[in-house]
Amino acid sequence: MNNSQYQIIAQRIFKSENQRVAVAAVVFDGLSSYEAEKRFELPKGTLSRNVRKYKNEVKYIESVSAA
């Protein structure tokens, strides 16, 4: 998954730019969800849920592509 593909998916599933940037920091930059929540001032537990949501979306897209 490259950055432009990520942006297309993230714009569809996350409301705020802050959430999109935070999820990208976890997925691409290796930050922990906890650290990214603090850095981007997101409520506790939100980012873990959003990262899971993104990964599930990627799995779904990959399964559709493979069919």
N, C-alpha and C. Protein backbone atom coordinates (compact mmCIF):
# COMPACT_ATOMS: atom_id res chain seq x y z
N MET A 1 0.84 -1.17 0.00
CA MET A 1 0.00 0.00 0.00
C MET A 1 0.89 1.24 0.00
N ASN A 2 0.74 2.06 -1.01
CA ASN A 2 1.55 3.29 -1.05
C ASN A 2 0.74 4.47 -0.48
N ASN A 3 1.38 5.61 -0.40
CA ASN A 3 0.77 6.77 0.25
C ASN A 3 -0.48 7.27 -0.48
N SER A 4 -0.45 7.29 -1.80
CA SER A 4 -1.63 7.78 -2.53
C SER A 4 -2.81 6.82 -2.37
N GLN A 5 -2.54 5.51 -2.35
CA GLN A 5 -3.61 4.54 -2.10
C GLN A 5 -4.15 4.71 -0.68
N TYR A 6 -3.24 4.94 0.27
CA TYR A 6 -3.68 5.16 1.65
C TYR A 6 -4.60 6.37 1.72
N GLN A 7 -4.24 7.47 1.06
CA GLN A 7 -5.03 8.69 1.12
C GLN A 7 -6.45 8.47 0.60
N ILE A 8 -6.59 7.70 -0.47
CA ILE A 8 -7.92 7.41 -1.02
C ILE A 8 -8.76 6.64 -0.02
N ILE A 9 -8.19 5.63 0.58
CA ILE A 9 -8.91 4.82 1.57
C ILE A 9 -9.22 5.66 2.81
N ALA A 10 -8.22 6.38 3.31
CA ALA A 10 -8.39 7.15 4.55
C ALA A 10 -9.44 8.25 4.40
N GLN A 11 -9.51 8.90 3.26
CA GLN A 11 -10.51 9.94 3.06
C GLN A 11 -11.91 9.37 3.10
N ARG A 12 -12.05 8.12 2.71
CA ARG A 12 -13.36 7.48 2.71
C ARG A 12 -13.78 7.05 4.11
N ILE A 13 -12.85 6.60 4.94
CA ILE A 13 -13.25 6.01 6.22
C ILE A 13 -13.00 6.88 7.44
N PHE A 14 -12.21 7.95 7.34
CA PHE A 14 -11.94 8.81 8.50
C PHE A 14 -12.44 10.22 8.23
N LYS A 15 -13.11 10.79 9.21
CA LYS A 15 -13.71 12.11 9.05
C LYS A 15 -12.68 13.24 9.07
N SER A 16 -11.76 13.19 10.00
CA SER A 16 -10.85 14.32 10.17
C SER A 16 -9.46 14.03 9.60
N GLU A 17 -8.82 15.09 9.17
CA GLU A 17 -7.45 15.00 8.67
C GLU A 17 -6.51 14.55 9.78
N ASN A 18 -6.79 14.99 10.99
CA ASN A 18 -5.97 14.62 12.15
C ASN A 18 -5.96 13.10 12.33
N GLN A 19 -7.09 12.46 12.17
CA GLN A 19 -7.17 11.00 12.28
C GLN A 19 -6.40 10.33 11.15
N ARG A 20 -6.51 10.86 9.95
CA ARG A 20 -5.80 10.28 8.80
C ARG A 20 -4.29 10.35 9.00
N VAL A 21 -3.81 11.49 9.47
CA VAL A 21 -2.37 11.67 9.69
C VAL A 21 -1.89 10.75 10.81
N ALA A 22 -2.67 10.62 11.87
CA ALA A 22 -2.29 9.77 13.00
C ALA A 22 -2.24 8.30 12.60
N VAL A 23 -3.21 7.83 11.84
CA VAL A 23 -3.21 6.43 11.39
C VAL A 23 -2.02 6.19 10.47
N ALA A 24 -1.71 7.14 9.60
CA ALA A 24 -0.55 7.00 8.72
C ALA A 24 0.74 6.92 9.53
N ALA A 25 0.83 7.67 10.61
CA ALA A 25 2.01 7.62 11.47
C ALA A 25 2.20 6.24 12.09
N VAL A 26 1.10 5.60 12.44
CA VAL A 26 1.18 4.26 13.01
C VAL A 26 1.52 3.24 11.93
N VAL A 27 0.82 3.30 10.82
CA VAL A 27 0.97 2.30 9.76
C VAL A 27 2.30 2.42 9.03
N PHE A 28 2.70 3.63 8.68
CA PHE A 28 3.89 3.82 7.84
C PHE A 28 5.15 4.18 8.62
N ASP A 29 5.00 4.91 9.71
CA ASP A 29 6.17 5.40 10.44
C ASP A 29 6.52 4.57 11.66
N GLY A 30 5.67 3.61 12.02
CA GLY A 30 5.97 2.71 13.12
C GLY A 30 5.71 3.27 14.51
N LEU A 31 5.01 4.38 14.62
CA LEU A 31 4.65 4.90 15.94
C LEU A 31 3.66 3.95 16.60
N SER A 32 3.69 3.88 17.91
CA SER A 32 2.67 3.12 18.61
C SER A 32 1.37 3.92 18.60
N SER A 33 0.25 3.23 18.74
CA SER A 33 -1.03 3.92 18.79
C SER A 33 -1.07 4.89 19.97
N TYR A 34 -0.52 4.47 21.08
CA TYR A 34 -0.50 5.30 22.28
C TYR A 34 0.27 6.60 22.03
N GLU A 35 1.46 6.49 21.45
CA GLU A 35 2.28 7.66 21.18
C GLU A 35 1.61 8.58 20.17
N ALA A 36 1.02 8.01 19.13
CA ALA A 36 0.35 8.82 18.11
C ALA A 36 -0.89 9.52 18.68
N GLU A 37 -1.61 8.86 19.58
CA GLU A 37 -2.76 9.51 20.23
C GLU A 37 -2.31 10.74 21.01
N LYS A 38 -1.22 10.62 21.72
CA LYS A 38 -0.70 11.76 22.47
C LYS A 38 -0.23 12.86 21.52
N ARG A 39 0.52 12.49 20.49
CA ARG A 39 1.10 13.46 19.58
C ARG A 39 0.03 14.22 18.80
N PHE A 40 -1.03 13.52 18.38
CA PHE A 40 -2.07 14.15 17.56
C PHE A 40 -3.32 14.51 18.36
N GLU A 41 -3.23 14.39 19.69
CA GLU A 41 -4.29 14.79 20.60
C GLU A 41 -5.63 14.14 20.28
N LEU A 42 -5.61 12.82 20.16
CA LEU A 42 -6.83 12.06 19.93
C LEU A 42 -7.26 11.40 21.23
N PRO A 43 -8.57 11.15 21.39
CA PRO A 43 -9.04 10.48 22.60
C PRO A 43 -8.44 9.07 22.73
N LYS A 44 -8.24 8.67 23.96
CA LYS A 44 -7.64 7.36 24.25
C LYS A 44 -8.47 6.24 23.62
N GLY A 45 -7.80 5.32 22.93
CA GLY A 45 -8.46 4.17 22.31
C GLY A 45 -8.96 4.41 20.90
N THR A 46 -9.07 5.66 20.51
CA THR A 46 -9.59 5.98 19.18
C THR A 46 -8.68 5.48 18.07
N LEU A 47 -7.40 5.68 18.24
CA LEU A 47 -6.46 5.36 17.17
C LEU A 47 -6.32 3.87 16.95
N SER A 48 -6.31 3.10 18.01
CA SER A 48 -6.25 1.64 17.85
C SER A 48 -7.43 1.15 17.03
N ARG A 49 -8.59 1.68 17.31
CA ARG A 49 -9.80 1.31 16.58
C ARG A 49 -9.69 1.75 15.11
N ASN A 50 -9.16 2.95 14.88
CA ASN A 50 -9.02 3.44 13.51
C ASN A 50 -7.99 2.66 12.71
N VAL A 51 -6.90 2.28 13.34
CA VAL A 51 -5.88 1.47 12.65
C VAL A 51 -6.49 0.11 12.28
N ARG A 52 -7.22 -0.47 13.19
CA ARG A 52 -7.89 -1.76 12.91
C ARG A 52 -8.88 -1.60 11.76
N LYS A 53 -9.63 -0.51 11.76
CA LYS A 53 -10.60 -0.24 10.70
C LYS A 53 -9.89 -0.13 9.36
N TYR A 54 -8.77 0.57 9.32
CA TYR A 54 -8.00 0.72 8.09
C TYR A 54 -7.46 -0.64 7.61
N LYS A 55 -6.89 -1.42 8.52
CA LYS A 55 -6.34 -2.72 8.13
C LYS A 55 -7.42 -3.66 7.63
N ASN A 56 -8.60 -3.62 8.22
CA ASN A 56 -9.72 -4.43 7.74
C ASN A 56 -10.14 -4.00 6.34
N GLU A 57 -10.13 -2.71 6.10
CA GLU A 57 -10.48 -2.20 4.77
C GLU A 57 -9.47 -2.68 3.72
N VAL A 58 -8.19 -2.65 4.07
CA VAL A 58 -7.14 -3.11 3.15
C VAL A 58 -7.32 -4.61 2.87
N LYS A 59 -7.59 -5.39 3.90
CA LYS A 59 -7.82 -6.83 3.69
C LYS A 59 -9.00 -7.07 2.75
N TYR A 60 -10.06 -6.29 2.93
CA TYR A 60 -11.24 -6.43 2.08
C TYR A 60 -10.88 -6.10 0.62
N ILE A 61 -10.17 -5.01 0.42
CA ILE A 61 -9.78 -4.61 -0.94
C ILE A 61 -8.88 -5.67 -1.58
N GLU A 62 -7.96 -6.22 -0.81
CA GLU A 62 -7.07 -7.26 -1.33
C GLU A 62 -7.86 -8.52 -1.68
N SER A 63 -8.87 -8.87 -0.88
CA SER A 63 -9.67 -10.07 -1.18
C SER A 63 -10.50 -9.86 -2.43
N VAL A 64 -11.00 -8.66 -2.64
CA VAL A 64 -11.76 -8.37 -3.85
C VAL A 64 -10.84 -8.40 -5.07
N SER A 65 -9.64 -7.87 -4.92
CA SER A 65 -8.67 -7.87 -6.03
C SER A 65 -8.25 -9.27 -6.41
N ALA A 66 -8.17 -10.17 -5.42
CA ALA A 66 -7.72 -11.53 -5.68
C ALA A 66 -8.80 -12.40 -6.29
N ALA A 67 -10.05 -11.98 -6.18
CA ALA A 67 -11.17 -12.79 -6.68
C ALA A 67 -11.26 -12.78 -8.19
